[in-house]
Structure formats: structure tokens, C-alpha cells
């Protein structure tokens, strides 16, 4: 959600990302407010580049959460995994799909940032695979939530991209020249053993609801970012 913060104009109002051009002092205010409300004190996140790179949270050396000094950059990647109690993992979005993963048996968690590039690179499936390799997570024990993102109603793309997606994920991912990223991610998750009944999806389209969410597409490429996060509770 984008409401309840201090940012003005294009970034109104709860922009939580430093990298989008907003006043860093105001971003810090937003982060402090968000931290106070959610009780997040330490946040692990990556420098997102629309990749298929999955990072172990223990290897992420730096978080700029609630800091104006950004002299040290976070690790590059678009998904994080952890099995540490109390660890908070986060990603920033403004149309891309936030994918939350909970392995209830180990337990372990993961979170992934899936735009069209990450989706076609199968970052959701690769995050589950990384959890299996690192923690022994079994897909049948994982619960998935796909958060608010741009939906098929608004996500018009080129014919070439539609064809790439249908070649990879089948015809259900398209409606004419529009794509459903949720469907493509669900397909790849089911392909690696996630049970369909263990996948939950948000009905909200970020592009349709810019009063509630930031949308890179609907707002012309200059807007704020929302934080999606997951934590293993102690």
C-alpha cells in the first residue's frame, strides 16, 4: 500500500525506496514510520535488477533500511531465502509480482521479485529450488502467496513477448495482447511440485488502483515503491 506516508507529488505518500528519486530525508521518515508500525528493525534486501539471482540472506552484507547514507550497495539479486528465526526479507515493487514463500516443515522462507523478465527466467521456481538445495525444503510443504501486481486487465505487451510467454507457460497466460504474470508464475511453481491448493493470489491490480498502490506502468515510469516482506517469527 502507498498510503499514510510523507512523500509528495509523484511519490505520494508512503514511498519506501531511496532509488526512485524521492527526497532521501522523506524516505527515511517513511521507513521509520513503517518500521514503527510493523516492528521491522533490520531488513535484508537486494539491489533488484530483474534477474533470476537468488541470494541467501546470510550473504547480504548491507541494508540501507532507515539510513540516509547509501555509500555501500546491497547485493545484486531479485530473491532472498532464509531459515533464521526473526529474519526479515524484503523486496520493492510497483507492478511486478511479489512472491512470498513459506516452507512450514523446515521452517524456511523466501521472497521473490517477478516482473516479466524474472517470470520468464523462472525466478519463482528457482527460489524454491534454492530453498531445497540450501535448507532441504520440499515443495509439497511450501505455501505461496502472489501479492498485488499489474494484472491481465492492464498489462498490454508486444506480440513477441506474448509469444515468448505462451511458448514457456501455455496459452492461459494471455488474453489477446495482454499477459497475466500471476498465471505464468503459478504454472512454473506447480511444475516443480507446489500444490495448486497451496497457492494464494491477491485480486488487486496495481495499475487499476493507483490510489492504493504504486504502478510504474500507469504512472509513466516515475513513482514510488512499496515494500513486501516476510519474516520467520521467533
Protein backbone atom coordinates (compact mmCIF):
# COMPACT_ATOMS: atom_id res chain seq x y z
CA UNK A 1 0.00 0.00 0.00
CA UNK A 2 1.16 3.53 -0.74
CA UNK A 3 -0.92 5.45 1.81
CA UNK A 4 -0.03 7.04 5.13
CA UNK A 5 3.44 8.48 4.49
CA UNK A 6 5.16 11.81 3.99
CA UNK A 7 6.22 11.82 0.32
CA UNK A 8 4.73 14.40 -2.02
CA UNK A 9 3.65 14.70 -5.65
CA UNK A 10 4.66 11.71 -7.80
CA UNK A 11 5.76 9.71 -4.76
CA UNK A 12 2.73 10.32 -2.60
CA UNK A 13 2.77 9.12 0.05
CA UNK A 14 4.47 6.06 1.62
CA UNK A 15 7.39 5.60 -0.77
CA UNK A 16 9.86 3.25 0.92
CA UNK A 17 12.64 3.18 -1.70
CA UNK A 18 15.63 5.50 -1.92
CA UNK A 19 16.49 4.72 -5.55
CA UNK A 20 13.48 6.29 -7.33
CA UNK A 21 14.35 10.00 -7.00
CA UNK A 22 12.35 10.89 -3.89
CA UNK A 23 13.82 13.11 -1.14
CA UNK A 24 16.05 10.74 0.92
CA UNK A 25 15.12 12.51 4.16
CA UNK A 26 11.44 11.91 3.49
CA UNK A 27 12.08 8.29 2.51
CA UNK A 28 13.80 7.80 5.86
CA UNK A 29 10.75 9.29 7.59
CA UNK A 30 8.53 6.84 5.72
CA UNK A 31 10.77 3.94 6.65
CA UNK A 32 10.82 4.92 10.31
CA UNK A 33 7.02 5.12 10.33
CA UNK A 34 6.72 1.77 8.58
CA UNK A 35 9.24 0.22 10.97
CA UNK A 36 7.34 1.54 13.95
CA UNK A 37 4.06 0.10 12.71
CA UNK A 38 5.43 -3.29 11.59
CA UNK A 39 8.19 -3.67 14.22
CA UNK A 40 10.79 -4.27 11.49
CA UNK A 41 14.19 -3.20 12.81
CA UNK A 42 16.56 -4.95 10.43
CA UNK A 43 15.69 -5.65 6.82
CA UNK A 44 17.58 -7.77 4.32
CA UNK A 45 17.07 -6.84 0.68
CA UNK A 46 18.90 -6.81 -2.63
CA UNK A 47 19.59 -4.35 -5.40
CA UNK A 48 16.90 -5.58 -7.80
CA UNK A 49 17.81 -5.82 -11.48
CA UNK A 50 15.06 -8.10 -12.90
CA UNK A 51 17.36 -11.12 -12.72
CA UNK A 52 16.94 -14.76 -11.71
CA UNK A 53 19.54 -14.46 -8.93
CA UNK A 54 18.53 -15.87 -5.53
CA UNK A 55 20.53 -14.64 -2.52
CA UNK A 56 20.96 -16.35 0.84
CA UNK A 57 20.09 -13.67 3.40
CA UNK A 58 23.21 -14.53 5.43
CA UNK A 59 25.29 -13.33 2.47
CA UNK A 60 23.55 -9.95 2.15
CA UNK A 61 26.09 -7.66 3.83
CA UNK A 62 24.20 -4.40 4.00
CA UNK A 63 20.75 -2.93 4.34
CA UNK A 64 20.07 0.76 3.92
CA UNK A 65 16.85 0.48 5.86
CA UNK A 66 16.23 3.72 7.78
CA UNK A 67 19.57 5.20 6.71
CA UNK A 68 20.34 8.18 4.50
CA UNK A 69 23.94 7.06 3.89
CA UNK A 70 23.92 4.83 0.82
CA UNK A 71 27.66 4.58 0.22
CA UNK A 72 27.54 0.78 0.35
CA UNK A 73 25.32 -1.02 -2.16
CA UNK A 74 23.32 -4.14 -1.28
CA UNK A 75 23.95 -7.42 -3.09
CA UNK A 76 22.52 -7.70 -6.59
CA UNK A 77 19.63 -10.15 -6.93
CA UNK A 78 15.87 -10.48 -7.05
CA UNK A 79 15.04 -13.10 -4.43
CA UNK A 80 16.15 -13.93 -0.90
CA UNK A 81 15.91 -17.04 1.27
CA UNK A 82 16.49 -17.69 4.97
CA UNK A 83 15.84 -20.19 7.76
CA UNK A 84 16.75 -17.85 10.61
CA UNK A 85 14.12 -17.02 13.20
CA UNK A 86 13.38 -13.30 13.29
CA UNK A 87 14.96 -12.63 9.88
CA UNK A 88 13.03 -10.15 7.73
CA UNK A 89 13.40 -10.33 3.94
CA UNK A 90 12.01 -7.66 1.65
CA UNK A 91 11.53 -6.65 -1.97
CA UNK A 92 10.31 -3.40 -3.55
CA UNK A 93 7.62 -3.36 -6.23
CA UNK A 94 5.45 -1.08 -8.36
CA UNK A 95 3.68 -3.54 -10.73
CA UNK A 96 5.96 -6.60 -10.50
CA UNK A 97 4.71 -9.64 -8.61
CA UNK A 98 5.89 -10.09 -5.02
CA UNK A 99 6.09 -13.82 -4.33
CA UNK A 100 6.03 -14.94 -0.69
CA UNK A 101 7.16 -18.47 0.17
CA UNK A 102 6.82 -20.32 3.48
CA UNK A 103 8.18 -23.81 3.99
CA UNK A 104 6.17 -24.89 7.01
CA UNK A 105 8.19 -28.01 7.77
CA UNK A 106 11.82 -26.83 7.94
CA UNK A 107 10.82 -23.99 8.51
CA UNK A 108 12.27 -21.56 5.96
CA UNK A 109 11.13 -18.55 3.96
CA UNK A 110 11.74 -16.92 0.61
CA UNK A 111 10.60 -13.85 -1.25
CA UNK A 112 10.98 -13.05 -4.95
CA UNK A 113 10.52 -10.05 -7.24
CA UNK A 114 8.98 -11.19 -10.54
CA UNK A 115 8.44 -8.78 -13.39
CA UNK A 116 8.20 -10.20 -16.89
CA UNK A 117 11.96 -10.77 -17.08
CA UNK A 118 12.11 -12.54 -13.73
CA UNK A 119 9.00 -14.54 -14.53
CA UNK A 120 10.25 -15.82 -17.86
CA UNK A 121 13.59 -16.60 -16.19
CA UNK A 122 11.58 -18.68 -13.65
CA UNK A 123 12.75 -16.87 -10.55
CA UNK A 124 9.83 -18.25 -8.51
CA UNK A 125 10.80 -21.84 -9.29
CA UNK A 126 14.49 -21.07 -8.78
CA UNK A 127 13.77 -19.65 -5.34
CA UNK A 128 12.07 -22.90 -4.32
CA UNK A 129 14.99 -24.86 -5.78
CA UNK A 130 17.46 -22.73 -3.80
CA UNK A 131 15.47 -23.38 -0.62
CA UNK A 132 15.58 -27.12 -1.35
CA UNK A 133 19.33 -27.10 -2.00
CA UNK A 134 20.17 -24.89 0.99
CA UNK A 135 17.66 -25.95 3.63
CA UNK A 136 16.17 -29.19 2.33
CA UNK A 137 12.78 -27.58 1.71
CA UNK A 138 10.27 -29.83 -0.04
CA UNK A 139 7.90 -28.15 -2.50
CA UNK A 140 4.92 -30.06 -1.09
CA UNK A 141 5.45 -28.30 2.27
CA UNK A 142 5.55 -24.79 0.80
CA UNK A 143 2.77 -22.22 0.91
CA UNK A 144 2.82 -19.43 -1.67
CA UNK A 145 1.20 -16.02 -1.89
CA UNK A 146 1.34 -13.85 -5.01
CA UNK A 147 0.80 -10.25 -3.98
CA UNK A 148 -0.80 -7.27 -5.72
CA UNK A 149 0.70 -6.60 -9.15
CA UNK A 150 -0.28 -5.44 -12.61
CA UNK A 151 -2.90 -7.88 -13.90
CA UNK A 152 -4.12 -9.17 -17.24
CA UNK A 153 -6.70 -6.36 -17.44
CA UNK A 154 -3.93 -3.76 -17.86
CA UNK A 155 -0.70 -5.49 -18.87
CA UNK A 156 -0.51 -4.91 -22.63
CA UNK A 157 2.77 -6.09 -24.19
CA UNK A 158 4.31 -6.76 -27.60
CA UNK A 159 3.30 -9.74 -29.73
CA UNK A 160 6.87 -11.03 -29.42
CA UNK A 161 6.66 -11.07 -25.63
CA UNK A 162 3.23 -12.71 -25.67
CA UNK A 163 4.68 -15.45 -27.87
CA UNK A 164 7.64 -15.96 -25.52
CA UNK A 165 5.28 -16.41 -22.60
CA UNK A 166 2.91 -18.78 -24.38
CA UNK A 167 5.87 -20.86 -25.58
CA UNK A 168 7.07 -21.15 -21.97
CA UNK A 169 3.84 -21.30 -19.98
CA UNK A 170 0.95 -22.06 -22.33
CA UNK A 171 -1.91 -20.05 -23.77
CA UNK A 172 -3.63 -19.43 -20.41
CA UNK A 173 -1.14 -16.64 -19.66
CA UNK A 174 -2.58 -14.34 -22.34
CA UNK A 175 -5.72 -12.55 -23.34
CA UNK A 176 -5.06 -11.07 -26.77
CA UNK A 177 -2.03 -8.80 -26.33
CA UNK A 178 -2.25 -8.83 -22.52
CA UNK A 179 -0.31 -11.02 -20.10
CA UNK A 180 -1.10 -12.49 -16.69
CA UNK A 181 2.10 -12.72 -14.69
CA UNK A 182 0.28 -14.50 -11.86
CA UNK A 183 -0.71 -17.36 -14.17
CA UNK A 184 2.83 -17.74 -15.52
CA UNK A 185 4.28 -17.88 -12.02
CA UNK A 186 1.65 -20.34 -10.82
CA UNK A 187 2.43 -22.60 -13.79
CA UNK A 188 6.16 -22.72 -13.03
CA UNK A 189 5.54 -23.29 -9.32
CA UNK A 190 3.18 -26.19 -9.99
CA UNK A 191 5.70 -27.64 -12.44
CA UNK A 192 8.22 -28.05 -9.62
CA UNK A 193 5.76 -29.65 -7.20
CA UNK A 194 3.90 -26.87 -5.40
CA UNK A 195 0.33 -28.00 -4.79
CA UNK A 196 -2.27 -25.75 -6.50
CA UNK A 197 -4.27 -25.53 -3.27
CA UNK A 198 -1.18 -24.11 -1.54
CA UNK A 199 -1.01 -21.07 -3.84
CA UNK A 200 -2.96 -17.93 -2.93
CA UNK A 201 -3.24 -14.77 -5.04
CA UNK A 202 -4.16 -11.15 -4.48
CA UNK A 203 -7.07 -9.95 -6.64
CA UNK A 204 -5.72 -6.39 -6.82
CA UNK A 205 -4.29 -4.84 -9.98
CA UNK A 206 -1.74 -2.15 -9.15
CA UNK A 207 -2.39 -0.34 -12.43
CA UNK A 208 -6.16 -0.19 -11.81
CA UNK A 209 -5.75 1.00 -8.22
CA UNK A 210 -3.13 3.76 -8.10
CA UNK A 211 -4.96 5.26 -5.13
CA UNK A 212 -3.81 2.20 -3.16
CA UNK A 213 -0.66 1.01 -4.95
CA UNK A 214 2.27 2.38 -6.92
CA UNK A 215 2.21 1.44 -10.62
CA UNK A 216 5.26 2.01 -12.82
CA UNK A 217 3.20 1.38 -15.94
CA UNK A 218 0.16 3.52 -15.07
CA UNK A 219 2.22 6.39 -13.66
CA UNK A 220 4.59 6.82 -16.57
CA UNK A 221 7.67 5.26 -15.03
CA UNK A 222 8.18 7.75 -12.19
CA UNK A 223 6.62 6.72 -8.93
CA UNK A 224 7.39 5.26 -5.52
CA UNK A 225 7.88 1.68 -4.40
CA UNK A 226 6.03 -0.50 -1.92
CA UNK A 227 7.79 -2.93 0.38
CA UNK A 228 6.70 -6.54 0.58
CA UNK A 229 8.29 -8.52 3.42
CA UNK A 230 8.29 -11.92 5.07
CA UNK A 231 9.63 -12.99 8.45
CA UNK A 232 10.05 -16.15 10.46
CA UNK A 233 8.58 -15.26 13.85
CA UNK A 234 10.55 -16.28 16.88
